[in-house]
């Protein structure tokens, strides 16, 4: 059985307010236990921001791809210190 690689997704920067709102809405749909307002406060705050830890590399890379597609700078770092930026 193959070992699952896990890591964390980090939001490095967001270029503008419109992109912050898109990202907050996107993350609120994924993480339903947090409100849009809670996520928006985090996204508009200090960067870099670790969004999730212990995520599989497949899911982490998909999240990074989606965030980068919206205009943000995000990356996935494995627990082995491998960096994936898209």
PDB file of N, CA and C in Angstrom:
ATOM      1  N   UNK A   1       0.841  -1.179   0.000  1.00  0.00           N
ATOM      2  CA  UNK A   1       0.000   0.000   0.000  1.00  0.00           C
ATOM      3  C   UNK A   1       0.882   1.237   0.000  1.00  0.00           C
ATOM      4  N   UNK A   2       0.577   2.174  -0.855  1.00  0.00           N
ATOM      5  CA  UNK A   2       1.367   3.406  -0.962  1.00  0.00           C
ATOM      6  C   UNK A   2       1.107   4.315   0.238  1.00  0.00           C
ATOM      7  N   UNK A   3       2.165   4.970   0.672  1.00  0.00           N
ATOM      8  CA  UNK A   3       2.049   5.890   1.794  1.00  0.00           C
ATOM      9  C   UNK A   3       1.433   7.205   1.309  1.00  0.00           C
ATOM     10  N   UNK A   4       0.477   7.728   2.058  1.00  0.00           N
ATOM     11  CA  UNK A   4      -0.166   8.986   1.703  1.00  0.00           C
ATOM     12  C   UNK A   4       0.695  10.143   2.190  1.00  0.00           C
ATOM     13  N   UNK A   5       0.996  11.056   1.285  1.00  0.00           N
ATOM     14  CA  UNK A   5       1.776  12.235   1.639  1.00  0.00           C
ATOM     15  C   UNK A   5       0.810  13.323   2.081  1.00  0.00           C
ATOM     16  N   UNK A   6       1.094  13.905   3.223  1.00  0.00           N
ATOM     17  CA  UNK A   6       0.259  14.979   3.742  1.00  0.00           C
ATOM     18  C   UNK A   6       1.090  16.236   3.919  1.00  0.00           C
ATOM     19  N   UNK A   7       0.395  17.347   3.980  1.00  0.00           N
ATOM     20  CA  UNK A   7       1.083  18.614   4.145  1.00  0.00           C
ATOM     21  C   UNK A   7       0.119  19.717   4.515  1.00  0.00           C
ATOM     22  N   UNK A   8       0.483  20.958   4.149  1.00  0.00           N
ATOM     23  CA  UNK A   8      -0.361  22.105   4.482  1.00  0.00           C
ATOM     24  C   UNK A   8      -0.468  23.040   3.286  1.00  0.00           C
ATOM     25  N   UNK A   9      -1.589  23.743   3.230  1.00  0.00           N
ATOM     26  CA  UNK A   9      -1.817  24.752   2.202  1.00  0.00           C
ATOM     27  C   UNK A   9      -1.660  26.116   2.858  1.00  0.00           C
ATOM     28  N   UNK A  10      -0.820  26.953   2.239  1.00  0.00           N
ATOM     29  CA  UNK A  10      -0.533  28.279   2.775  1.00  0.00           C
ATOM     30  C   UNK A  10      -0.949  29.322   1.751  1.00  0.00           C
ATOM     31  N   UNK A  11      -1.707  30.306   2.219  1.00  0.00           N
ATOM     32  CA  UNK A  11      -2.090  31.443   1.395  1.00  0.00           C
ATOM     33  C   UNK A  11      -1.043  32.520   1.592  1.00  0.00           C
ATOM     34  N   UNK A  12      -0.289  32.800   0.542  1.00  0.00           N
ATOM     35  CA  UNK A  12       0.830  33.740   0.646  1.00  0.00           C
ATOM     36  C   UNK A  12       0.388  35.184   0.449  1.00  0.00           C
ATOM     37  N   UNK A  13      -0.417  35.446  -0.567  1.00  0.00           N
ATOM     38  CA  UNK A  13      -0.891  36.806  -0.801  1.00  0.00           C
ATOM     39  C   UNK A  13      -2.155  36.796  -1.650  1.00  0.00           C
ATOM     40  N   UNK A  14      -2.903  37.897  -1.523  1.00  0.00           N
ATOM     41  CA  UNK A  14      -4.122  38.110  -2.302  1.00  0.00           C
ATOM     42  C   UNK A  14      -4.024  39.521  -2.872  1.00  0.00           C
ATOM     43  N   UNK A  15      -4.181  39.682  -4.187  1.00  0.00           N
ATOM     44  CA  UNK A  15      -3.891  40.974  -4.805  1.00  0.00           C
ATOM     45  C   UNK A  15      -4.863  42.111  -4.481  1.00  0.00           C
ATOM     46  N   UNK A  16      -6.149  41.795  -4.273  1.00  0.00           N
ATOM     47  CA  UNK A  16      -7.109  42.878  -4.051  1.00  0.00           C
ATOM     48  C   UNK A  16      -8.330  42.390  -3.276  1.00  0.00           C
ATOM     49  N   UNK A  17      -9.178  43.347  -2.936  1.00  0.00           N
ATOM     50  CA  UNK A  17     -10.366  43.074  -2.118  1.00  0.00           C
ATOM     51  C   UNK A  17     -11.341  42.132  -2.823  1.00  0.00           C
ATOM     52  N   UNK A  18     -11.516  42.316  -4.118  1.00  0.00           N
ATOM     53  CA  UNK A  18     -12.435  41.466  -4.880  1.00  0.00           C
ATOM     54  C   UNK A  18     -12.000  40.005  -4.830  1.00  0.00           C
ATOM     55  N   UNK A  19     -10.716  39.763  -4.960  1.00  0.00           N
ATOM     56  CA  UNK A  19     -10.182  38.407  -4.897  1.00  0.00           C
ATOM     57  C   UNK A  19     -10.340  37.836  -3.490  1.00  0.00           C
ATOM     58  N   UNK A  20     -10.127  38.668  -2.469  1.00  0.00           N
ATOM     59  CA  UNK A  20     -10.325  38.217  -1.086  1.00  0.00           C
ATOM     60  C   UNK A  20     -11.750  37.735  -0.874  1.00  0.00           C
ATOM     61  N   UNK A  21     -12.718  38.465  -1.419  1.00  0.00           N
ATOM     62  CA  UNK A  21     -14.124  38.078  -1.274  1.00  0.00           C
ATOM     63  C   UNK A  21     -14.422  36.764  -1.983  1.00  0.00           C
ATOM     64  N   UNK A  22     -13.867  36.567  -3.187  1.00  0.00           N
ATOM     65  CA  UNK A  22     -14.048  35.312  -3.928  1.00  0.00           C
ATOM     66  C   UNK A  22     -13.468  34.138  -3.145  1.00  0.00           C
ATOM     67  N   UNK A  23     -12.274  34.342  -2.598  1.00  0.00           N
ATOM     68  CA  UNK A  23     -11.604  33.271  -1.858  1.00  0.00           C
ATOM     69  C   UNK A  23     -12.370  32.937  -0.580  1.00  0.00           C
ATOM     70  N   UNK A  24     -12.838  33.952   0.118  1.00  0.00           N
ATOM     71  CA  UNK A  24     -13.602  33.727   1.353  1.00  0.00           C
ATOM     72  C   UNK A  24     -14.883  32.945   1.050  1.00  0.00           C
ATOM     73  N   UNK A  25     -15.557  33.298  -0.027  1.00  0.00           N
ATOM     74  CA  UNK A  25     -16.776  32.587  -0.418  1.00  0.00           C
ATOM     75  C   UNK A  25     -16.467  31.136  -0.782  1.00  0.00           C
ATOM     76  N   UNK A  26     -15.395  30.932  -1.537  1.00  0.00           N
ATOM     77  CA  UNK A  26     -14.973  29.589  -1.939  1.00  0.00           C
ATOM     78  C   UNK A  26     -14.644  28.734  -0.706  1.00  0.00           C
ATOM     79  N   UNK A  27     -13.863  29.290   0.215  1.00  0.00           N
ATOM     80  CA  UNK A  27     -13.474  28.540   1.410  1.00  0.00           C
ATOM     81  C   UNK A  27     -14.665  28.287   2.330  1.00  0.00           C
ATOM     82  N   UNK A  28     -15.607  29.225   2.393  1.00  0.00           N
ATOM     83  CA  UNK A  28     -16.802  29.035   3.224  1.00  0.00           C
ATOM     84  C   UNK A  28     -17.647  27.872   2.702  1.00  0.00           C
ATOM     85  N   UNK A  29     -17.630  27.651   1.390  1.00  0.00           N
ATOM     86  CA  UNK A  29     -18.354  26.510   0.820  1.00  0.00           C
ATOM     87  C   UNK A  29     -17.657  25.185   1.122  1.00  0.00           C
ATOM     88  N   UNK A  30     -16.339  25.215   1.236  1.00  0.00           N
ATOM     89  CA  UNK A  30     -15.584  24.001   1.542  1.00  0.00           C
ATOM     90  C   UNK A  30     -15.643  23.678   3.031  1.00  0.00           C
ATOM     91  N   UNK A  31     -15.386  24.691   3.859  1.00  0.00           N
ATOM     92  CA  UNK A  31     -15.337  24.510   5.317  1.00  0.00           C
ATOM     93  C   UNK A  31     -16.613  25.039   5.937  1.00  0.00           C
ATOM     94  N   UNK A  32     -17.628  24.210   5.934  1.00  0.00           N
ATOM     95  CA  UNK A  32     -18.958  24.630   6.363  1.00  0.00           C
ATOM     96  C   UNK A  32     -19.083  24.866   7.874  1.00  0.00           C
ATOM     97  N   UNK A  33     -18.105  24.432   8.650  1.00  0.00           N
ATOM     98  CA  UNK A  33     -18.167  24.672  10.090  1.00  0.00           C
ATOM     99  C   UNK A  33     -17.707  26.083  10.466  1.00  0.00           C
ATOM    100  N   UNK A  34     -17.211  26.843   9.505  1.00  0.00           N
ATOM    101  CA  UNK A  34     -16.814  28.239   9.716  1.00  0.00           C
ATOM    102  C   UNK A  34     -17.719  29.139   8.885  1.00  0.00           C
ATOM    103  N   UNK A  35     -18.064  30.293   9.434  1.00  0.00           N
ATOM    104  CA  UNK A  35     -18.921  31.216   8.699  1.00  0.00           C
ATOM    105  C   UNK A  35     -18.107  32.005   7.679  1.00  0.00           C
ATOM    106  N   UNK A  36     -18.819  32.586   6.731  1.00  0.00           N
ATOM    107  CA  UNK A  36     -18.176  33.429   5.725  1.00  0.00           C
ATOM    108  C   UNK A  36     -17.437  34.579   6.414  1.00  0.00           C
ATOM    109  N   UNK A  37     -18.030  35.171   7.421  1.00  0.00           N
ATOM    110  CA  UNK A  37     -17.421  36.319   8.109  1.00  0.00           C
ATOM    111  C   UNK A  37     -16.117  35.916   8.800  1.00  0.00           C
ATOM    112  N   UNK A  38     -16.099  34.759   9.446  1.00  0.00           N
ATOM    113  CA  UNK A  38     -14.871  34.278  10.098  1.00  0.00           C
ATOM    114  C   UNK A  38     -13.759  34.067   9.066  1.00  0.00           C
ATOM    115  N   UNK A  39     -14.107  33.447   7.955  1.00  0.00           N
ATOM    116  CA  UNK A  39     -13.113  33.182   6.915  1.00  0.00           C
ATOM    117  C   UNK A  39     -12.656  34.482   6.267  1.00  0.00           C
ATOM    118  N   UNK A  40     -13.586  35.399   6.006  1.00  0.00           N
ATOM    119  CA  UNK A  40     -13.230  36.682   5.397  1.00  0.00           C
ATOM    120  C   UNK A  40     -12.255  37.452   6.288  1.00  0.00           C
ATOM    121  N   UNK A  41     -12.450  37.413   7.586  1.00  0.00           N
ATOM    122  CA  UNK A  41     -11.538  38.084   8.516  1.00  0.00           C
ATOM    123  C   UNK A  41     -10.141  37.480   8.436  1.00  0.00           C
ATOM    124  N   UNK A  42     -10.053  36.175   8.326  1.00  0.00           N
ATOM    125  CA  UNK A  42      -8.752  35.516   8.210  1.00  0.00           C
ATOM    126  C   UNK A  42      -8.071  35.844   6.888  1.00  0.00           C
ATOM    127  N   UNK A  43      -8.831  35.786   5.809  1.00  0.00           N
ATOM    128  CA  UNK A  43      -8.273  36.007   4.475  1.00  0.00           C
ATOM    129  C   UNK A  43      -7.774  37.442   4.316  1.00  0.00           C
ATOM    130  N   UNK A  44      -8.455  38.391   4.922  1.00  0.00           N
ATOM    131  CA  UNK A  44      -8.041  39.795   4.801  1.00  0.00           C
ATOM    132  C   UNK A  44      -6.940  40.163   5.786  1.00  0.00           C
ATOM    133  N   UNK A  45      -6.602  39.261   6.673  1.00  0.00           N
ATOM    134  CA  UNK A  45      -5.585  39.538   7.696  1.00  0.00           C
ATOM    135  C   UNK A  45      -4.165  39.332   7.212  1.00  0.00           C
ATOM    136  N   UNK A  46      -3.294  39.146   8.184  1.00  0.00           N
ATOM    137  CA  UNK A  46      -1.853  39.019   7.943  1.00  0.00           C
ATOM    138  C   UNK A  46      -1.532  37.751   7.148  1.00  0.00           C
ATOM    139  N   UNK A  47      -0.617  37.883   6.217  1.00  0.00           N
ATOM    140  CA  UNK A  47      -0.155  36.754   5.402  1.00  0.00           C
ATOM    141  C   UNK A  47       1.306  36.475   5.729  1.00  0.00           C
ATOM    142  N   UNK A  48       1.820  35.315   5.547  1.00  0.00           N
ATOM    143  CA  UNK A  48       1.163  34.120   5.036  1.00  0.00           C
ATOM    144  C   UNK A  48       0.223  33.511   6.077  1.00  0.00           C
ATOM    145  N   UNK A  49      -0.785  32.819   5.575  1.00  0.00           N
ATOM    146  CA  UNK A  49      -1.820  32.217   6.403  1.00  0.00           C
ATOM    147  C   UNK A  49      -1.926  30.737   6.062  1.00  0.00           C
ATOM    148  N   UNK A  50      -1.731  29.879   7.054  1.00  0.00           N
ATOM    149  CA  UNK A  50      -1.920  28.447   6.847  1.00  0.00           C
ATOM    150  C   UNK A  50      -3.413  28.166   6.862  1.00  0.00           C
ATOM    151  N   UNK A  51      -3.934  27.716   5.730  1.00  0.00           N
ATOM    152  CA  UNK A  51      -5.364  27.456   5.617  1.00  0.00           C
ATOM    153  C   UNK A  51      -5.753  26.098   6.172  1.00  0.00           C
ATOM    154  N   UNK A  52      -4.931  25.103   5.905  1.00  0.00           N
ATOM    155  CA  UNK A  52      -5.251  23.744   6.362  1.00  0.00           C
ATOM    156  C   UNK A  52      -3.953  22.961   6.543  1.00  0.00           C
ATOM    157  N   UNK A  53      -3.926  22.128   7.580  1.00  0.00           N
ATOM    158  CA  UNK A  53      -2.794  21.238   7.835  1.00  0.00           C
ATOM    159  C   UNK A  53      -3.285  19.804   7.773  1.00  0.00           C
ATOM    160  N   UNK A  54      -2.393  18.900   7.418  1.00  0.00           N
ATOM    161  CA  UNK A  54      -2.737  17.477   7.383  1.00  0.00           C
ATOM    162  C   UNK A  54      -3.612  17.101   6.206  1.00  0.00           C
ATOM    163  N   UNK A  55      -3.545  17.856   5.129  1.00  0.00           N
ATOM    164  CA  UNK A  55      -4.323  17.563   3.930  1.00  0.00           C
ATOM    165  C   UNK A  55      -3.474  16.691   2.997  1.00  0.00           C
ATOM    166  N   UNK A  56      -4.126  15.784   2.298  1.00  0.00           N
ATOM    167  CA  UNK A  56      -3.388  14.934   1.363  1.00  0.00           C
ATOM    168  C   UNK A  56      -2.832  15.769   0.222  1.00  0.00           C
ATOM    169  N   UNK A  57      -1.794  15.280  -0.412  1.00  0.00           N
ATOM    170  CA  UNK A  57      -1.182  16.067  -1.487  1.00  0.00           C
ATOM    171  C   UNK A  57      -2.136  16.269  -2.655  1.00  0.00           C
ATOM    172  N   UNK A  58      -2.963  15.291  -2.962  1.00  0.00           N
ATOM    173  CA  UNK A  58      -3.915  15.432  -4.064  1.00  0.00           C
ATOM    174  C   UNK A  58      -4.906  16.567  -3.786  1.00  0.00           C
ATOM    175  N   UNK A  59      -5.495  16.558  -2.597  1.00  0.00           N
ATOM    176  CA  UNK A  59      -6.453  17.605  -2.232  1.00  0.00           C
ATOM    177  C   UNK A  59      -5.768  18.952  -2.047  1.00  0.00           C
ATOM    178  N   UNK A  60      -4.569  18.933  -1.490  1.00  0.00           N
ATOM    179  CA  UNK A  60      -3.821  20.165  -1.288  1.00  0.00           C
ATOM    180  C   UNK A  60      -3.466  20.839  -2.597  1.00  0.00           C
ATOM    181  N   UNK A  61      -3.026  20.057  -3.562  1.00  0.00           N
ATOM    182  CA  UNK A  61      -2.669  20.611  -4.868  1.00  0.00           C
ATOM    183  C   UNK A  61      -3.901  21.138  -5.605  1.00  0.00           C
ATOM    184  N   UNK A  62      -5.045  20.473  -5.431  1.00  0.00           N
ATOM    185  CA  UNK A  62      -6.282  20.962  -6.043  1.00  0.00           C
ATOM    186  C   UNK A  62      -6.685  22.294  -5.421  1.00  0.00           C
ATOM    187  N   UNK A  63      -6.588  22.404  -4.108  1.00  0.00           N
ATOM    188  CA  UNK A  63      -6.924  23.652  -3.430  1.00  0.00           C
ATOM    189  C   UNK A  63      -5.998  24.776  -3.872  1.00  0.00           C
ATOM    190  N   UNK A  64      -4.709  24.501  -3.961  1.00  0.00           N
ATOM    191  CA  UNK A  64      -3.740  25.500  -4.428  1.00  0.00           C
ATOM    192  C   UNK A  64      -4.068  25.924  -5.859  1.00  0.00           C
ATOM    193  N   UNK A  65      -4.378  24.966  -6.713  1.00  0.00           N
ATOM    194  CA  UNK A  65      -4.727  25.281  -8.095  1.00  0.00           C
ATOM    195  C   UNK A  65      -5.933  26.217  -8.146  1.00  0.00           C
ATOM    196  N   UNK A  66      -6.967  25.899  -7.381  1.00  0.00           N
ATOM    197  CA  UNK A  66      -8.180  26.721  -7.374  1.00  0.00           C
ATOM    198  C   UNK A  66      -7.904  28.131  -6.838  1.00  0.00           C
ATOM    199  N   UNK A  67      -7.128  28.238  -5.766  1.00  0.00           N
ATOM    200  CA  UNK A  67      -6.808  29.550  -5.201  1.00  0.00           C
ATOM    201  C   UNK A  67      -5.974  30.380  -6.171  1.00  0.00           C
ATOM    202  N   UNK A  68      -4.989  29.756  -6.795  1.00  0.00           N
ATOM    203  CA  UNK A  68      -4.157  30.467  -7.763  1.00  0.00           C
ATOM    204  C   UNK A  68      -4.964  30.892  -8.988  1.00  0.00           C
ATOM    205  N   UNK A  69      -5.917  30.070  -9.383  1.00  0.00           N
ATOM    206  CA  UNK A  69      -6.784  30.392 -10.519  1.00  0.00           C
ATOM    207  C   UNK A  69      -7.632  31.638 -10.214  1.00  0.00           C
ATOM    208  N   UNK A  70      -7.990  31.827  -8.956  1.00  0.00           N
ATOM    209  CA  UNK A  70      -8.764  33.008  -8.551  1.00  0.00           C
ATOM    210  C   UNK A  70      -7.903  34.262  -8.442  1.00  0.00           C
ATOM    211  N   UNK A  71      -6.581  34.103  -8.499  1.00  0.00           N
ATOM    212  CA  UNK A  71      -5.695  35.256  -8.455  1.00  0.00           C
ATOM    213  C   UNK A  71      -4.820  35.360  -7.225  1.00  0.00           C
ATOM    214  N   UNK A  72      -4.981  34.456  -6.289  1.00  0.00           N
ATOM    215  CA  UNK A  72      -4.166  34.473  -5.073  1.00  0.00           C
ATOM    216  C   UNK A  72      -2.830  33.784  -5.327  1.00  0.00           C
ATOM    217  N   UNK A  73      -1.915  33.949  -4.392  1.00  0.00           N
ATOM    218  CA  UNK A  73      -0.680  33.170  -4.403  1.00  0.00           C
ATOM    219  C   UNK A  73      -0.765  32.221  -3.226  1.00  0.00           C
ATOM    220  N   UNK A  74      -0.802  30.935  -3.528  1.00  0.00           N
ATOM    221  CA  UNK A  74      -0.887  29.905  -2.500  1.00  0.00           C
ATOM    222  C   UNK A  74       0.084  28.790  -2.859  1.00  0.00           C
ATOM    223  N   UNK A  75       0.480  28.024  -1.851  1.00  0.00           N
ATOM    224  CA  UNK A  75       1.342  26.884  -2.124  1.00  0.00           C
ATOM    225  C   UNK A  75       1.031  25.757  -1.165  1.00  0.00           C
ATOM    226  N   UNK A  76       1.431  24.557  -1.586  1.00  0.00           N
ATOM    227  CA  UNK A  76       1.278  23.345  -0.785  1.00  0.00           C
ATOM    228  C   UNK A  76       2.666  22.883  -0.388  1.00  0.00           C
ATOM    229  N   UNK A  77       2.877  22.706   0.901  1.00  0.00           N
ATOM    230  CA  UNK A  77       4.163  22.221   1.400  1.00  0.00           C
ATOM    231  C   UNK A  77       3.905  20.899   2.121  1.00  0.00           C
ATOM    232  N   UNK A  78       4.610  19.864   1.661  1.00  0.00           N
ATOM    233  CA  UNK A  78       4.436  18.563   2.300  1.00  0.00           C
ATOM    234  C   UNK A  78       5.176  18.551   3.641  1.00  0.00           C
ATOM    235  N   UNK A  79       4.882  17.558   4.430  1.00  0.00           N
ATOM    236  CA  UNK A  79       5.587  17.387   5.695  1.00  0.00           C
ATOM    237  C   UNK A  79       7.049  17.022   5.457  1.00  0.00           C
ATOM    238  N   UNK A  80       7.371  16.687   4.208  1.00  0.00           N
ATOM    239  CA  UNK A  80       8.750  16.377   3.838  1.00  0.00           C
ATOM    240  C   UNK A  80       9.468  17.602   3.293  1.00  0.00           C
ATOM    241  N   UNK A  81       8.837  18.795   3.435  1.00  0.00           N
ATOM    242  CA  UNK A  81       9.343  20.085   2.983  1.00  0.00           C
ATOM    243  C   UNK A  81       9.456  20.209   1.467  1.00  0.00           C
ATOM    244  N   UNK A  82       8.638  19.498   0.747  1.00  0.00           N
ATOM    245  CA  UNK A  82       8.565  19.652  -0.702  1.00  0.00           C
ATOM    246  C   UNK A  82       7.551  20.742  -1.004  1.00  0.00           C
ATOM    247  N   UNK A  83       7.885  21.652  -1.894  1.00  0.00           N
ATOM    248  CA  UNK A  83       7.038  22.785  -2.194  1.00  0.00           C
ATOM    249  C   UNK A  83       6.359  22.610  -3.544  1.00  0.00           C
ATOM    250  N   UNK A  84       5.045  22.810  -3.598  1.00  0.00           N
ATOM    251  CA  UNK A  84       4.283  22.781  -4.832  1.00  0.00           C
ATOM    252  C   UNK A  84       3.560  24.112  -4.952  1.00  0.00           C
ATOM    253  N   UNK A  85       3.826  24.857  -6.039  1.00  0.00           N
ATOM    254  CA  UNK A  85       3.184  26.148  -6.214  1.00  0.00           C
ATOM    255  C   UNK A  85       2.203  26.187  -7.369  1.00  0.00           C
ATOM    256  N   UNK A  86       2.145  25.164  -8.177  1.00  0.00           N
ATOM    257  CA  UNK A  86       1.223  25.039  -9.293  1.00  0.00           C
ATOM    258  C   UNK A  86       1.966  25.080 -10.559  1.00  0.00           C
TER     259      UNK A  86
END
